[in-house]
C-alpha atoms as a PDB file:
ATOM      1  CA  UNK A   1     124.915  73.226 -86.823  1.00  0.00           C
ATOM      2  CA  UNK A   2     128.337  74.395 -88.005  1.00  0.00           C
ATOM      3  CA  UNK A   3     129.437  78.039 -87.996  1.00  0.00           C
ATOM      4  CA  UNK A   4     132.243  79.796 -89.869  1.00  0.00           C
ATOM      5  CA  UNK A   5     133.290  83.427 -89.481  1.00  0.00           C
ATOM      6  CA  UNK A   6     134.473  85.395 -92.503  1.00  0.00           C
ATOM      7  CA  UNK A   7     136.005  88.771 -91.505  1.00  0.00           C
ATOM      8  CA  UNK A   8     135.769  91.926 -93.611  1.00  0.00           C
ATOM      9  CA  UNK A   9     136.933  95.494 -93.025  1.00  0.00           C
ATOM     10  CA  UNK A  10     133.619  96.950 -91.842  1.00  0.00           C
ATOM     11  CA  UNK A  11     131.691  93.800 -90.914  1.00  0.00           C
ATOM     12  CA  UNK A  12     131.901  90.055 -90.398  1.00  0.00           C
ATOM     13  CA  UNK A  13     129.876  87.307 -92.054  1.00  0.00           C
ATOM     14  CA  UNK A  14     128.717  84.394 -89.919  1.00  0.00           C
ATOM     15  CA  UNK A  15     128.021  81.393 -92.175  1.00  0.00           C
ATOM     16  CA  UNK A  16     125.628  78.833 -90.680  1.00  0.00           C
ATOM     17  CA  UNK A  17     125.175  75.302 -91.963  1.00  0.00           C
ATOM     18  CA  UNK A  18     122.750  72.553 -90.959  1.00  0.00           C
ATOM     19  CA  UNK A  19     119.784  72.778 -88.616  1.00  0.00           C
ATOM     20  CA  UNK A  20     119.473  75.951 -86.563  1.00  0.00           C
ATOM     21  CA  UNK A  21     117.428  74.726 -83.607  1.00  0.00           C
ATOM     22  CA  UNK A  22     117.247  75.139 -79.833  1.00  0.00           C
ATOM     23  CA  UNK A  23     120.437  73.139 -79.261  1.00  0.00           C
ATOM     24  CA  UNK A  24     122.388  75.382 -81.662  1.00  0.00           C
ATOM     25  CA  UNK A  25     121.409  78.672 -80.016  1.00  0.00           C
ATOM     26  CA  UNK A  26     124.129  78.753 -77.286  1.00  0.00           C
ATOM     27  CA  UNK A  27     126.873  78.336 -79.900  1.00  0.00           C
ATOM     28  CA  UNK A  28     125.319  81.023 -82.098  1.00  0.00           C
ATOM     29  CA  UNK A  29     125.017  83.426 -79.171  1.00  0.00           C
ATOM     30  CA  UNK A  30     128.636  82.790 -78.194  1.00  0.00           C
ATOM     31  CA  UNK A  31     129.807  83.512 -81.760  1.00  0.00           C
ATOM     32  CA  UNK A  32     127.927  86.830 -81.702  1.00  0.00           C
ATOM     33  CA  UNK A  33     129.348  87.694 -78.274  1.00  0.00           C
ATOM     34  CA  UNK A  34     132.886  86.840 -79.403  1.00  0.00           C
ATOM     35  CA  UNK A  35     132.581  89.109 -82.433  1.00  0.00           C
ATOM     36  CA  UNK A  36     131.255  91.910 -80.236  1.00  0.00           C
ATOM     37  CA  UNK A  37     134.130  91.510 -77.769  1.00  0.00           C
ATOM     38  CA  UNK A  38     136.546  91.823 -80.684  1.00  0.00           C
ATOM     39  CA  UNK A  39     134.969  95.171 -81.529  1.00  0.00           C
ATOM     40  CA  UNK A  40     132.810  94.043 -84.453  1.00  0.00           C
ATOM     41  CA  UNK A  41     129.269  95.425 -84.241  1.00  0.00           C
ATOM     42  CA  UNK A  42     128.125  94.830 -87.828  1.00  0.00           C
ATOM     43  CA  UNK A  43     127.361  91.193 -88.602  1.00  0.00           C
ATOM     44  CA  UNK A  44     125.865  89.407 -91.598  1.00  0.00           C
ATOM     45  CA  UNK A  45     124.232  86.057 -90.845  1.00  0.00           C
ATOM     46  CA  UNK A  46     124.314  83.850 -93.953  1.00  0.00           C
ATOM     47  CA  UNK A  47     121.473  81.269 -93.975  1.00  0.00           C
ATOM     48  CA  UNK A  48     122.070  79.746 -97.407  1.00  0.00           C
ATOM     49  CA  UNK A  49     122.887  76.294 -96.030  1.00  0.00           C
ATOM     50  CA  UNK A  50     120.391  76.267 -93.165  1.00  0.00           C
ATOM     51  CA  UNK A  51     117.767  73.652 -93.996  1.00  0.00           C
ATOM     52  CA  UNK A  52     115.704  74.072 -90.825  1.00  0.00           C
ATOM     53  CA  UNK A  53     115.165  76.862 -88.310  1.00  0.00           C
ATOM     54  CA  UNK A  54     112.832  76.913 -85.306  1.00  0.00           C
ATOM     55  CA  UNK A  55     111.244  79.575 -83.121  1.00  0.00           C
ATOM     56  CA  UNK A  56     114.016  79.567 -80.493  1.00  0.00           C
ATOM     57  CA  UNK A  57     116.637  80.168 -83.169  1.00  0.00           C
ATOM     58  CA  UNK A  58     114.609  83.009 -84.672  1.00  0.00           C
ATOM     59  CA  UNK A  59     114.300  84.485 -81.191  1.00  0.00           C
ATOM     60  CA  UNK A  60     118.103  84.235 -80.819  1.00  0.00           C
ATOM     61  CA  UNK A  61     118.558  86.183 -84.059  1.00  0.00           C
ATOM     62  CA  UNK A  62     116.222  88.905 -82.788  1.00  0.00           C
ATOM     63  CA  UNK A  63     118.074  89.106 -79.462  1.00  0.00           C
ATOM     64  CA  UNK A  64     121.425  89.316 -81.277  1.00  0.00           C
ATOM     65  CA  UNK A  65     120.040  92.105 -83.458  1.00  0.00           C
ATOM     66  CA  UNK A  66     118.964  94.091 -80.387  1.00  0.00           C
ATOM     67  CA  UNK A  67     122.342  93.560 -78.725  1.00  0.00           C
ATOM     68  CA  UNK A  68     124.220  94.815 -81.794  1.00  0.00           C
ATOM     69  CA  UNK A  69     121.934  97.838 -82.142  1.00  0.00           C
ATOM     70  CA  UNK A  70     122.578  98.771 -78.515  1.00  0.00           C
ATOM     71  CA  UNK A  71     126.292  98.673 -79.353  1.00  0.00           C
ATOM     72  CA  UNK A  72     125.786 100.979 -82.320  1.00  0.00           C
ATOM     73  CA  UNK A  73     125.874  98.216 -84.921  1.00  0.00           C
ATOM     74  CA  UNK A  74     123.468  96.118 -86.932  1.00  0.00           C
ATOM     75  CA  UNK A  75     122.646  92.531 -87.857  1.00  0.00           C
ATOM     76  CA  UNK A  76     121.612  91.661 -91.407  1.00  0.00           C
ATOM     77  CA  UNK A  77     120.614  88.345 -92.978  1.00  0.00           C
ATOM     78  CA  UNK A  78     121.938  87.221 -96.340  1.00  0.00           C
ATOM     79  CA  UNK A  79     121.022  84.568 -98.892  1.00  0.00           C
ATOM     80  CA  UNK A  80     118.416  82.678 -96.826  1.00  0.00           C
ATOM     81  CA  UNK A  81     117.455  79.208 -98.046  1.00  0.00           C
ATOM     82  CA  UNK A  82     113.942  78.823 -99.450  1.00  0.00           C
ATOM     83  CA  UNK A  83     112.832  77.304 -96.147  1.00  0.00           C
ATOM     84  CA  UNK A  84     114.303  80.146 -94.088  1.00  0.00           C
ATOM     85  CA  UNK A  85     113.045  82.917 -96.379  1.00  0.00           C
ATOM     86  CA  UNK A  86     109.515  81.573 -96.177  1.00  0.00           C
ATOM     87  CA  UNK A  87     109.640  81.521 -92.367  1.00  0.00           C
ATOM     88  CA  UNK A  88     111.164  85.015 -92.163  1.00  0.00           C
ATOM     89  CA  UNK A  89     108.414  86.408 -94.368  1.00  0.00           C
ATOM     90  CA  UNK A  90     105.662  84.424 -92.670  1.00  0.00           C
ATOM     91  CA  UNK A  91     106.372  85.818 -89.203  1.00  0.00           C
ATOM     92  CA  UNK A  92     107.361  89.283 -90.453  1.00  0.00           C
ATOM     93  CA  UNK A  93     110.958  89.166 -89.230  1.00  0.00           C
ATOM     94  CA  UNK A  94     112.121  90.457 -92.623  1.00  0.00           C
ATOM     95  CA  UNK A  95     110.392  93.757 -91.759  1.00  0.00           C
ATOM     96  CA  UNK A  96     112.557  94.125 -88.643  1.00  0.00           C
ATOM     97  CA  UNK A  97     115.901  92.760 -89.870  1.00  0.00           C
ATOM     98  CA  UNK A  98     117.188  93.443 -93.382  1.00  0.00           C
ATOM     99  CA  UNK A  99     117.252  90.356 -95.611  1.00  0.00           C
ATOM    100  CA  UNK A 100     119.591  90.509 -98.615  1.00  0.00           C
ATOM    101  CA  UNK A 101     120.253  88.202-101.550  1.00  0.00           C
ATOM    102  CA  UNK A 102     124.030  88.010-101.051  1.00  0.00           C
ATOM    103  CA  UNK A 103     126.790  88.757 -98.534  1.00  0.00           C
ATOM    104  CA  UNK A 104     128.124  91.515-100.782  1.00  0.00           C
ATOM    105  CA  UNK A 105     124.726  93.176-100.987  1.00  0.00           C
ATOM    106  CA  UNK A 106     124.356  93.042 -97.208  1.00  0.00           C
ATOM    107  CA  UNK A 107     127.863  94.401 -96.703  1.00  0.00           C
ATOM    108  CA  UNK A 108     127.169  97.309 -99.032  1.00  0.00           C
ATOM    109  CA  UNK A 109     123.984  98.075 -97.085  1.00  0.00           C
ATOM    110  CA  UNK A 110     125.986  98.831 -93.928  1.00  0.00           C
ATOM    111  CA  UNK A 111     127.664 101.761 -95.665  1.00  0.00           C
ATOM    112  CA  UNK A 112     124.750 102.985 -97.775  1.00  0.00           C
ATOM    113  CA  UNK A 113     121.860 102.258 -95.442  1.00  0.00           C
ATOM    114  CA  UNK A 114     119.836 100.959 -98.394  1.00  0.00           C
ATOM    115  CA  UNK A 115     116.961  98.544 -97.938  1.00  0.00           C
ATOM    116  CA  UNK A 116     117.097  95.080 -99.524  1.00  0.00           C
ATOM    117  CA  UNK A 117     115.191  94.588-102.790  1.00  0.00           C
ATOM    118  CA  UNK A 118     111.771  92.969-102.643  1.00  0.00           C
ATOM    119  CA  UNK A 119     111.846  89.193-102.748  1.00  0.00           C
ATOM    120  CA  UNK A 120     110.817  87.404-105.937  1.00  0.00           C
ATOM    121  CA  UNK A 121     107.071  86.844-105.718  1.00  0.00           C
ATOM    122  CA  UNK A 122     107.086  83.745-107.925  1.00  0.00           C
ATOM    123  CA  UNK A 123     105.729  80.539-106.431  1.00  0.00           C
ATOM    124  CA  UNK A 124     108.347  78.492-104.580  1.00  0.00           C
ATOM    125  CA  UNK A 125     109.218  74.979-105.653  1.00  0.00           C
ATOM    126  CA  UNK A 126     106.629  72.660-104.125  1.00  0.00           C
ATOM    127  CA  UNK A 127     109.002  70.335-102.282  1.00  0.00           C
ATOM    128  CA  UNK A 128     110.895  73.245-100.712  1.00  0.00           C
ATOM    129  CA  UNK A 129     107.900  75.290 -99.658  1.00  0.00           C
ATOM    130  CA  UNK A 130     106.968  74.748 -95.984  1.00  0.00           C
ATOM    131  CA  UNK A 131     103.651  76.568 -96.440  1.00  0.00           C
ATOM    132  CA  UNK A 132     102.239  74.212 -99.052  1.00  0.00           C
ATOM    133  CA  UNK A 133      98.785  72.786 -98.441  1.00  0.00           C
ATOM    134  CA  UNK A 134      97.734  69.731-100.425  1.00  0.00           C
ATOM    135  CA  UNK A 135      93.974  69.367-100.757  1.00  0.00           C
ATOM    136  CA  UNK A 136      91.938  66.590-102.332  1.00  0.00           C
ATOM    137  CA  UNK A 137      88.134  66.724-102.629  1.00  0.00           C
ATOM    138  CA  UNK A 138      86.499  63.660-101.108  1.00  0.00           C
ATOM    139  CA  UNK A 139      84.105  63.492-104.069  1.00  0.00           C
ATOM    140  CA  UNK A 140      86.389  63.155-107.083  1.00  0.00           C
ATOM    141  CA  UNK A 141      83.398  63.479-109.405  1.00  0.00           C
ATOM    142  CA  UNK A 142      83.600  67.232-108.704  1.00  0.00           C
ATOM    143  CA  UNK A 143      87.139  67.176-110.079  1.00  0.00           C
ATOM    144  CA  UNK A 144      86.064  65.210-113.145  1.00  0.00           C
ATOM    145  CA  UNK A 145      83.282  67.710-113.797  1.00  0.00           C
ATOM    146  CA  UNK A 146      85.677  70.676-113.879  1.00  0.00           C
ATOM    147  CA  UNK A 147      88.950  69.069-115.012  1.00  0.00           C
ATOM    148  CA  UNK A 148      88.022  65.819-116.701  1.00  0.00           C
ATOM    149  CA  UNK A 149      89.081  62.345-115.600  1.00  0.00           C
ATOM    150  CA  UNK A 150      92.433  62.575-113.771  1.00  0.00           C
ATOM    151  CA  UNK A 151      95.272  60.320-114.888  1.00  0.00           C
ATOM    152  CA  UNK A 152      97.401  58.199-112.569  1.00  0.00           C
ATOM    153  CA  UNK A 153     100.121  60.835-112.790  1.00  0.00           C
ATOM    154  CA  UNK A 154      98.931  64.187-111.523  1.00  0.00           C
ATOM    155  CA  UNK A 155      99.683  66.327-114.585  1.00  0.00           C
ATOM    156  CA  UNK A 156      98.141  69.414-112.976  1.00  0.00           C
ATOM    157  CA  UNK A 157     100.838  69.834-110.348  1.00  0.00           C
ATOM    158  CA  UNK A 158     103.367  67.177-111.322  1.00  0.00           C
ATOM    159  CA  UNK A 159     103.019  64.948-108.279  1.00  0.00           C
ATOM    160  CA  UNK A 160     100.491  62.498-106.897  1.00  0.00           C
ATOM    161  CA  UNK A 161      98.410  62.280-103.717  1.00  0.00           C
ATOM    162  CA  UNK A 162      97.549  58.615-103.966  1.00  0.00           C
ATOM    163  CA  UNK A 163      96.234  58.273-107.533  1.00  0.00           C
ATOM    164  CA  UNK A 164      93.685  61.077-107.395  1.00  0.00           C
ATOM    165  CA  UNK A 165      93.856  64.735-108.377  1.00  0.00           C
ATOM    166  CA  UNK A 166      95.274  67.038-105.733  1.00  0.00           C
ATOM    167  CA  UNK A 167      95.547  70.813-105.605  1.00  0.00           C
ATOM    168  CA  UNK A 168      98.404  72.726-104.021  1.00  0.00           C
ATOM    169  CA  UNK A 169      97.627  75.921-102.115  1.00  0.00           C
ATOM    170  CA  UNK A 170      99.637  78.208 -99.869  1.00  0.00           C
ATOM    171  CA  UNK A 171      98.709  78.254 -96.178  1.00  0.00           C
ATOM    172  CA  UNK A 172      97.907  81.669 -94.723  1.00  0.00           C
ATOM    173  CA  UNK A 173      96.730  80.733 -91.223  1.00  0.00           C
ATOM    174  CA  UNK A 174      96.426  77.720 -88.941  1.00  0.00           C
ATOM    175  CA  UNK A 175      94.851  76.993 -85.579  1.00  0.00           C
ATOM    176  CA  UNK A 176      93.238  74.070 -83.764  1.00  0.00           C
ATOM    177  CA  UNK A 177      89.909  74.560 -85.518  1.00  0.00           C
ATOM    178  CA  UNK A 178      91.193  74.638 -89.083  1.00  0.00           C
ATOM    179  CA  UNK A 179      93.382  76.408 -91.631  1.00  0.00           C
ATOM    180  CA  UNK A 180      93.156  78.898 -94.480  1.00  0.00           C
ATOM    181  CA  UNK A 181      94.957  78.796 -97.796  1.00  0.00           C
ATOM    182  CA  UNK A 182      95.153  80.597-101.116  1.00  0.00           C
ATOM    183  CA  UNK A 183      94.833  78.712-104.400  1.00  0.00           C
ATOM    184  CA  UNK A 184      95.627  80.246-107.784  1.00  0.00           C
ATOM    185  CA  UNK A 185      94.504  77.221-109.801  1.00  0.00           C
ATOM    186  CA  UNK A 186      97.924  75.729-110.536  1.00  0.00           C
ATOM    187  CA  UNK A 187      98.008  74.619-114.168  1.00  0.00           C
ATOM    188  CA  UNK A 188      94.279  73.917-114.380  1.00  0.00           C
ATOM    189  CA  UNK A 189      93.466  77.021-116.376  1.00  0.00           C
ATOM    190  CA  UNK A 190      90.377  77.580-114.249  1.00  0.00           C
ATOM    191  CA  UNK A 191      89.045  81.103-113.742  1.00  0.00           C
ATOM    192  CA  UNK A 192      88.475  82.232-110.156  1.00  0.00           C
ATOM    193  CA  UNK A 193      84.718  81.656-110.532  1.00  0.00           C
ATOM    194  CA  UNK A 194      85.280  78.017-111.545  1.00  0.00           C
ATOM    195  CA  UNK A 195      87.784  77.536-108.725  1.00  0.00           C
ATOM    196  CA  UNK A 196      85.072  78.753-106.380  1.00  0.00           C
ATOM    197  CA  UNK A 197      82.577  76.285-107.858  1.00  0.00           C
ATOM    198  CA  UNK A 198      85.012  73.400-107.459  1.00  0.00           C
ATOM    199  CA  UNK A 199      85.724  74.400-103.846  1.00  0.00           C
ATOM    200  CA  UNK A 200      82.244  75.514-102.830  1.00  0.00           C
ATOM    201  CA  UNK A 201      81.314  75.941 -99.169  1.00  0.00           C
ATOM    202  CA  UNK A 202      80.345  72.561 -97.742  1.00  0.00           C
ATOM    203  CA  UNK A 203      82.822  70.584 -99.875  1.00  0.00           C
ATOM    204  CA  UNK A 204      84.677  67.955 -97.839  1.00  0.00           C
ATOM    205  CA  UNK A 205      88.412  67.541 -98.319  1.00  0.00           C
ATOM    206  CA  UNK A 206      91.438  65.661 -97.166  1.00  0.00           C
ATOM    207  CA  UNK A 207      94.196  68.193 -96.462  1.00  0.00           C
ATOM    208  CA  UNK A 208      97.906  67.734 -95.886  1.00  0.00           C
ATOM    209  CA  UNK A 209      99.984  70.570 -94.447  1.00  0.00           C
ATOM    210  CA  UNK A 210     103.372  71.271 -92.909  1.00  0.00           C
ATOM    211  CA  UNK A 211     104.138  72.963 -89.607  1.00  0.00           C
ATOM    212  CA  UNK A 212     107.149  75.077 -90.676  1.00  0.00           C
ATOM    213  CA  UNK A 213     108.742  75.535 -87.241  1.00  0.00           C
ATOM    214  CA  UNK A 214     108.581  71.857 -86.302  1.00  0.00           C
ATOM    215  CA  UNK A 215     110.635  68.905 -87.533  1.00  0.00           C
ATOM    216  CA  UNK A 216     107.700  67.030 -88.955  1.00  0.00           C
ATOM    217  CA  UNK A 217     106.527  65.909 -92.354  1.00  0.00           C
ATOM    218  CA  UNK A 218     103.047  66.515 -93.640  1.00  0.00           C
ATOM    219  CA  UNK A 219     100.152  66.309 -91.195  1.00  0.00           C
ATOM    220  CA  UNK A 220      96.852  65.040 -92.569  1.00  0.00           C
ATOM    221  CA  UNK A 221      93.273  65.826 -91.582  1.00  0.00           C
ATOM    222  CA  UNK A 222      89.697  65.567 -92.814  1.00  0.00           C
ATOM    223  CA  UNK A 223      88.098  68.979 -93.278  1.00  0.00           C
ATOM    224  CA  UNK A 224      85.140  70.879 -94.687  1.00  0.00           C
ATOM    225  CA  UNK A 225      85.204  74.184 -96.539  1.00  0.00           C
ATOM    226  CA  UNK A 226      83.402  76.778 -94.411  1.00  0.00           C
ATOM    227  CA  UNK A 227      84.441  80.021 -96.111  1.00  0.00           C
ATOM    228  CA  UNK A 228      85.478  80.918 -99.655  1.00  0.00           C
ATOM    229  CA  UNK A 229      86.406  84.286-101.147  1.00  0.00           C
ATOM    230  CA  UNK A 230      86.969  84.793-104.870  1.00  0.00           C
ATOM    231  CA  UNK A 231      89.735  87.132-105.975  1.00  0.00           C
ATOM    232  CA  UNK A 232      90.541  88.233-109.516  1.00  0.00           C
ATOM    233  CA  UNK A 233      92.900  85.324-110.158  1.00  0.00           C
ATOM    234  CA  UNK A 234      92.625  83.081-107.095  1.00  0.00           C
ATOM    235  CA  UNK A 235      90.436  81.941-104.239  1.00  0.00           C
ATOM    236  CA  UNK A 236      90.987  82.126-100.493  1.00  0.00           C
ATOM    237  CA  UNK A 237      89.651  79.098 -98.673  1.00  0.00           C
ATOM    238  CA  UNK A 238      88.966  78.469 -94.988  1.00  0.00           C
ATOM    239  CA  UNK A 239      88.480  74.851 -93.906  1.00  0.00           C
ATOM    240  CA  UNK A 240      87.345  73.517 -90.544  1.00  0.00           C
ATOM    241  CA  UNK A 241      88.878  70.286 -89.306  1.00  0.00           C
ATOM    242  CA  UNK A 242      86.425  67.444 -88.785  1.00  0.00           C
ATOM    243  CA  UNK A 243      88.999  64.905 -87.673  1.00  0.00           C
ATOM    244  CA  UNK A 244      92.351  65.814 -86.086  1.00  0.00           C
ATOM    245  CA  UNK A 245      94.358  63.076 -84.380  1.00  0.00           C
ATOM    246  CA  UNK A 246      96.108  63.549 -81.044  1.00  0.00           C
ATOM    247  CA  UNK A 247      99.644  63.904 -82.431  1.00  0.00           C
ATOM    248  CA  UNK A 248      98.583  66.487 -85.008  1.00  0.00           C
ATOM    249  CA  UNK A 249      96.586  68.398 -82.378  1.00  0.00           C
ATOM    250  CA  UNK A 250      99.659  68.617 -80.134  1.00  0.00           C
ATOM    251  CA  UNK A 251     101.850  69.652 -83.065  1.00  0.00           C
ATOM    252  CA  UNK A 252      99.432  72.439 -84.056  1.00  0.00           C
ATOM    253  CA  UNK A 253      99.255  73.591 -80.428  1.00  0.00           C
ATOM    254  CA  UNK A 254     103.077  73.788 -80.287  1.00  0.00           C
ATOM    255  CA  UNK A 255     103.135  75.668 -83.605  1.00  0.00           C
ATOM    256  CA  UNK A 256     100.669  78.213 -82.225  1.00  0.00           C
ATOM    257  CA  UNK A 257     102.782  78.639 -79.072  1.00  0.00           C
ATOM    258  CA  UNK A 258     105.905  79.185 -81.200  1.00  0.00           C
ATOM    259  CA  UNK A 259     104.179  81.806 -83.332  1.00  0.00           C
ATOM    260  CA  UNK A 260     102.925  83.601 -80.209  1.00  0.00           C
ATOM    261  CA  UNK A 261     106.461  83.648 -78.771  1.00  0.00           C
ATOM    262  CA  UNK A 262     107.877  85.074 -81.992  1.00  0.00           C
ATOM    263  CA  UNK A 263     105.205  87.766 -82.192  1.00  0.00           C
ATOM    264  CA  UNK A 264     106.150  88.850 -78.660  1.00  0.00           C
ATOM    265  CA  UNK A 265     109.822  88.946 -79.644  1.00  0.00           C
ATOM    266  CA  UNK A 266     108.989  91.023 -82.701  1.00  0.00           C
ATOM    267  CA  UNK A 267     107.069  93.494 -80.574  1.00  0.00           C
ATOM    268  CA  UNK A 268     110.058  93.828 -78.260  1.00  0.00           C
ATOM    269  CA  UNK A 269     112.339  94.346 -81.266  1.00  0.00           C
ATOM    270  CA  UNK A 270     110.222  97.183 -82.612  1.00  0.00           C
ATOM    271  CA  UNK A 271     109.599  98.993 -79.302  1.00  0.00           C
END
């Protein structure tokens, strides 16, 4: 990871570029310490060009924030990449450290004490969203019943999972037994009731999912729907894994350990 410092009158912006992982933390911590020794206690961390961030790096940001607060200053985050913003929101770090859309907006917040505006709630681009869950019913006749015969190109979501229809949901929880996700129907035009019929309890699926804090592509598992809740415009689905290979099991276990570590760090930051 590369770092560049941009000084301002009342604060400094630390621009990060590349992968912010465990190996990058010492350099980041030294940059923060150097700025503090120079008398700068207000720092903006720009994450626009950070394409990956892990739990250790997030912990380093929290520790830097505490250190600056103890010195009478503050740490703010600006312009996070889609990947970083999703992680910040997923673990709740954005509720502890201000996240702003630009360096200028963050800089102005030091003087005014204003909170950053709410993030755009539109769906993220599929390829950039680390919380995407791809799900494909084992029995494609269920898909044909509700959506008609799928074409080779997946016109519902614009990409293919083999040559069969695939839905794209947003993961809300994950553990060794299974995962939960929310599905708003994509471009199917289905009402929530019909979504619930398509994804009825007992339906078997193949699911693909990402582990946001790990450098890993999609993991794949066989699963069965064990819970389903209909909302006004979406469904919330809980699936139980029926087949999880050794590598995926270890990756999920590491993900759970990372999330536990970050929750502890967040508690320390708010106490």
